[in-house]
N, C-alpha and C. Protein backbone atom coordinates (compact mmCIF):
# COMPACT_ATOMS: atom_id res chain seq x y z
N MET A 1 -64.91 87.72 64.27
CA MET A 1 -65.43 86.39 64.05
C MET A 1 -65.28 86.10 62.57
N ALA A 2 -65.15 84.82 62.24
CA ALA A 2 -65.03 84.40 60.85
C ALA A 2 -65.91 83.19 60.59
N LYS A 3 -66.53 83.14 59.43
CA LYS A 3 -67.30 81.99 58.98
C LYS A 3 -66.60 81.46 57.75
N VAL A 4 -66.22 80.18 57.79
CA VAL A 4 -65.45 79.59 56.70
C VAL A 4 -66.27 78.50 56.02
N ILE A 5 -66.40 78.62 54.70
CA ILE A 5 -67.01 77.58 53.88
C ILE A 5 -66.04 77.33 52.73
N PRO A 6 -66.14 76.20 52.03
CA PRO A 6 -65.21 75.96 50.93
C PRO A 6 -65.21 77.12 49.92
N GLY A 7 -64.04 77.69 49.70
CA GLY A 7 -63.89 78.75 48.72
C GLY A 7 -64.18 80.15 49.19
N GLU A 8 -64.64 80.33 50.43
CA GLU A 8 -64.95 81.68 50.91
C GLU A 8 -64.83 81.76 52.43
N THR A 9 -64.32 82.88 52.90
CA THR A 9 -64.28 83.19 54.32
C THR A 9 -64.88 84.57 54.50
N VAL A 10 -65.81 84.69 55.46
CA VAL A 10 -66.43 85.98 55.76
C VAL A 10 -66.03 86.39 57.17
N PHE A 11 -65.48 87.60 57.30
CA PHE A 11 -65.10 88.15 58.59
C PHE A 11 -66.14 89.16 59.04
N VAL A 12 -66.51 89.11 60.32
CA VAL A 12 -67.47 90.04 60.90
C VAL A 12 -66.76 90.80 62.00
N GLY A 13 -66.80 92.13 61.92
CA GLY A 13 -66.22 92.98 62.95
C GLY A 13 -67.29 93.85 63.59
N VAL A 14 -67.25 93.96 64.91
CA VAL A 14 -68.21 94.77 65.64
C VAL A 14 -67.43 95.75 66.51
N ASN A 15 -67.76 97.03 66.40
CA ASN A 15 -67.14 98.06 67.22
C ASN A 15 -68.25 98.80 67.96
N LEU A 16 -68.32 98.60 69.27
CA LEU A 16 -69.35 99.25 70.08
C LEU A 16 -68.85 100.55 70.72
N ALA A 17 -67.61 100.93 70.42
CA ALA A 17 -67.04 102.16 70.98
C ALA A 17 -67.54 103.38 70.20
N ASN A 18 -67.41 104.54 70.82
CA ASN A 18 -67.82 105.80 70.19
C ASN A 18 -66.77 106.38 69.25
N GLU A 19 -65.66 105.67 69.07
CA GLU A 19 -64.63 106.11 68.13
C GLU A 19 -64.18 104.93 67.27
N PRO A 20 -63.64 105.22 66.08
CA PRO A 20 -63.16 104.14 65.21
C PRO A 20 -62.05 103.36 65.91
N LYS A 21 -61.91 102.09 65.55
CA LYS A 21 -60.87 101.22 66.12
C LYS A 21 -60.11 100.54 65.00
N GLU A 22 -58.81 100.45 65.16
CA GLU A 22 -57.95 99.70 64.26
C GLU A 22 -57.67 98.35 64.93
N VAL A 23 -57.99 97.26 64.23
CA VAL A 23 -57.75 95.93 64.79
C VAL A 23 -56.85 95.13 63.86
N SER A 24 -56.13 94.19 64.45
CA SER A 24 -55.29 93.28 63.69
C SER A 24 -55.63 91.87 64.13
N VAL A 25 -55.91 91.00 63.16
CA VAL A 25 -56.35 89.64 63.44
C VAL A 25 -55.42 88.67 62.72
N ASP A 26 -54.99 87.61 63.42
CA ASP A 26 -54.17 86.58 62.78
C ASP A 26 -55.07 85.73 61.90
N ALA A 27 -54.97 85.93 60.59
CA ALA A 27 -55.80 85.20 59.63
C ALA A 27 -54.97 84.26 58.78
N SER A 28 -53.74 83.98 59.21
CA SER A 28 -52.83 83.16 58.40
C SER A 28 -53.36 81.76 58.14
N GLY A 29 -54.14 81.19 59.04
CA GLY A 29 -54.70 79.87 58.82
C GLY A 29 -55.98 79.87 58.00
N LEU A 30 -56.48 81.07 57.68
CA LEU A 30 -57.75 81.18 56.99
C LEU A 30 -57.65 81.71 55.57
N LEU A 31 -56.65 82.55 55.31
CA LEU A 31 -56.54 83.20 54.00
C LEU A 31 -55.23 82.84 53.31
N ALA A 32 -55.30 82.67 52.01
CA ALA A 32 -54.12 82.42 51.20
C ALA A 32 -53.54 83.74 50.71
N ALA A 33 -52.27 83.72 50.35
CA ALA A 33 -51.65 84.92 49.76
C ALA A 33 -52.47 85.36 48.56
N GLY A 34 -52.68 86.64 48.43
CA GLY A 34 -53.44 87.18 47.31
C GLY A 34 -54.94 87.16 47.50
N ALA A 35 -55.39 86.82 48.70
CA ALA A 35 -56.84 86.81 48.96
C ALA A 35 -57.41 88.20 48.73
N ALA A 36 -58.50 88.26 47.98
CA ALA A 36 -59.15 89.54 47.67
C ALA A 36 -60.29 89.77 48.65
N LEU A 37 -60.24 90.88 49.38
CA LEU A 37 -61.28 91.22 50.34
C LEU A 37 -62.32 92.12 49.69
N GLN A 38 -63.59 91.74 49.85
CA GLN A 38 -64.69 92.51 49.28
C GLN A 38 -65.66 92.88 50.40
N PRO A 39 -66.13 94.14 50.44
CA PRO A 39 -67.12 94.50 51.46
C PRO A 39 -68.44 93.77 51.24
N VAL A 40 -69.07 93.35 52.34
CA VAL A 40 -70.36 92.68 52.29
C VAL A 40 -71.41 93.55 52.99
N LEU A 41 -71.03 94.10 54.15
CA LEU A 41 -71.93 94.91 54.95
C LEU A 41 -71.14 96.05 55.57
N GLY A 42 -71.64 97.28 55.44
CA GLY A 42 -70.97 98.43 56.03
C GLY A 42 -69.76 98.87 55.22
N GLU A 43 -69.16 99.94 55.70
CA GLU A 43 -67.98 100.49 55.03
C GLU A 43 -66.81 100.48 55.99
N SER A 44 -65.73 99.82 55.59
CA SER A 44 -64.53 99.78 56.40
C SER A 44 -63.35 99.43 55.51
N ALA A 45 -62.16 99.78 55.98
CA ALA A 45 -60.94 99.47 55.24
C ALA A 45 -60.32 98.22 55.84
N ALA A 46 -60.15 97.18 55.01
CA ALA A 46 -59.54 95.93 55.47
C ALA A 46 -58.48 95.51 54.45
N ALA A 47 -57.37 94.99 54.97
CA ALA A 47 -56.29 94.53 54.10
C ALA A 47 -55.63 93.32 54.75
N PHE A 48 -55.24 92.34 53.92
CA PHE A 48 -54.56 91.15 54.40
C PHE A 48 -53.11 91.20 53.96
N ALA A 49 -52.19 91.08 54.91
CA ALA A 49 -50.75 91.03 54.62
C ALA A 49 -50.30 89.58 54.71
N ALA A 50 -50.12 88.92 53.57
CA ALA A 50 -49.77 87.50 53.54
C ALA A 50 -48.44 87.23 54.23
N GLU A 51 -47.49 88.16 54.13
CA GLU A 51 -46.17 87.93 54.73
C GLU A 51 -46.22 87.85 56.26
N THR A 52 -47.18 88.50 56.88
CA THR A 52 -47.32 88.44 58.35
C THR A 52 -48.53 87.62 58.78
N GLY A 53 -49.46 87.35 57.85
CA GLY A 53 -50.67 86.62 58.17
C GLY A 53 -51.72 87.46 58.88
N GLN A 54 -51.51 88.77 58.90
CA GLN A 54 -52.40 89.66 59.66
C GLN A 54 -53.46 90.32 58.76
N LEU A 55 -54.69 90.29 59.25
CA LEU A 55 -55.78 91.05 58.65
C LEU A 55 -55.86 92.34 59.45
N ARG A 56 -55.60 93.47 58.81
CA ARG A 56 -55.71 94.78 59.47
C ARG A 56 -57.00 95.41 59.03
N TRP A 57 -57.75 95.92 60.02
CA TRP A 57 -59.12 96.35 59.75
C TRP A 57 -59.42 97.60 60.55
N ARG A 58 -59.95 98.61 59.90
CA ARG A 58 -60.40 99.82 60.58
C ARG A 58 -61.91 99.77 60.67
N LEU A 59 -62.41 99.66 61.90
CA LEU A 59 -63.85 99.55 62.13
C LEU A 59 -64.41 100.91 62.53
N PRO A 60 -65.42 101.42 61.83
CA PRO A 60 -66.04 102.69 62.20
C PRO A 60 -66.68 102.60 63.59
N ALA A 61 -66.87 103.74 64.21
CA ALA A 61 -67.53 103.80 65.52
C ALA A 61 -68.94 103.22 65.44
N MET A 62 -69.34 102.52 66.49
CA MET A 62 -70.71 101.99 66.62
C MET A 62 -71.16 101.27 65.34
N SER A 63 -70.41 100.25 64.93
CA SER A 63 -70.72 99.61 63.65
C SER A 63 -70.57 98.10 63.71
N THR A 64 -71.22 97.45 62.76
CA THR A 64 -71.00 96.05 62.44
C THR A 64 -70.69 96.02 60.96
N VAL A 65 -69.56 95.41 60.61
CA VAL A 65 -69.14 95.34 59.21
C VAL A 65 -68.73 93.92 58.86
N MET A 66 -68.82 93.60 57.58
CA MET A 66 -68.44 92.27 57.09
C MET A 66 -67.63 92.42 55.81
N VAL A 67 -66.59 91.58 55.69
CA VAL A 67 -65.83 91.48 54.45
C VAL A 67 -65.71 90.00 54.08
N SER A 68 -65.66 89.74 52.79
CA SER A 68 -65.57 88.38 52.26
C SER A 68 -64.24 88.22 51.54
N ALA A 69 -63.62 87.07 51.72
CA ALA A 69 -62.40 86.72 51.00
C ALA A 69 -62.70 85.49 50.16
N SER A 70 -62.51 85.61 48.86
CA SER A 70 -62.89 84.51 47.96
C SER A 70 -61.77 83.52 47.71
N SER A 71 -60.55 83.83 48.12
CA SER A 71 -59.44 82.91 47.93
C SER A 71 -58.98 82.46 49.30
N THR A 72 -59.33 81.23 49.68
CA THR A 72 -59.03 80.74 51.03
C THR A 72 -58.11 79.54 51.00
N LYS A 73 -57.49 79.27 52.13
CA LYS A 73 -56.68 78.07 52.29
C LYS A 73 -57.60 76.89 52.53
N GLY A 74 -57.18 75.74 52.10
CA GLY A 74 -57.93 74.53 52.38
C GLY A 74 -57.62 74.01 53.77
N PRO A 75 -58.32 72.95 54.20
CA PRO A 75 -58.07 72.39 55.53
C PRO A 75 -56.64 71.87 55.63
N ASN A 76 -56.03 72.01 56.79
CA ASN A 76 -54.65 71.53 57.01
C ASN A 76 -54.66 70.09 57.45
């Protein structure tokens, strides 16, 4: 899930499985190239690939995590 406000997008990931999960999310309409991801809640590895528009995220087992991106695209 993502919450978008002017200048910031926050992504929330929930993993209810007993093992870590790798997820890929199409974030091309939400993030600009060079968007910096910062952890907000929990510990997880997240990276945005501007060339593919994919947010790749490793969610720990039984977790809720949040990351914030401070460089976002404006409305289309």
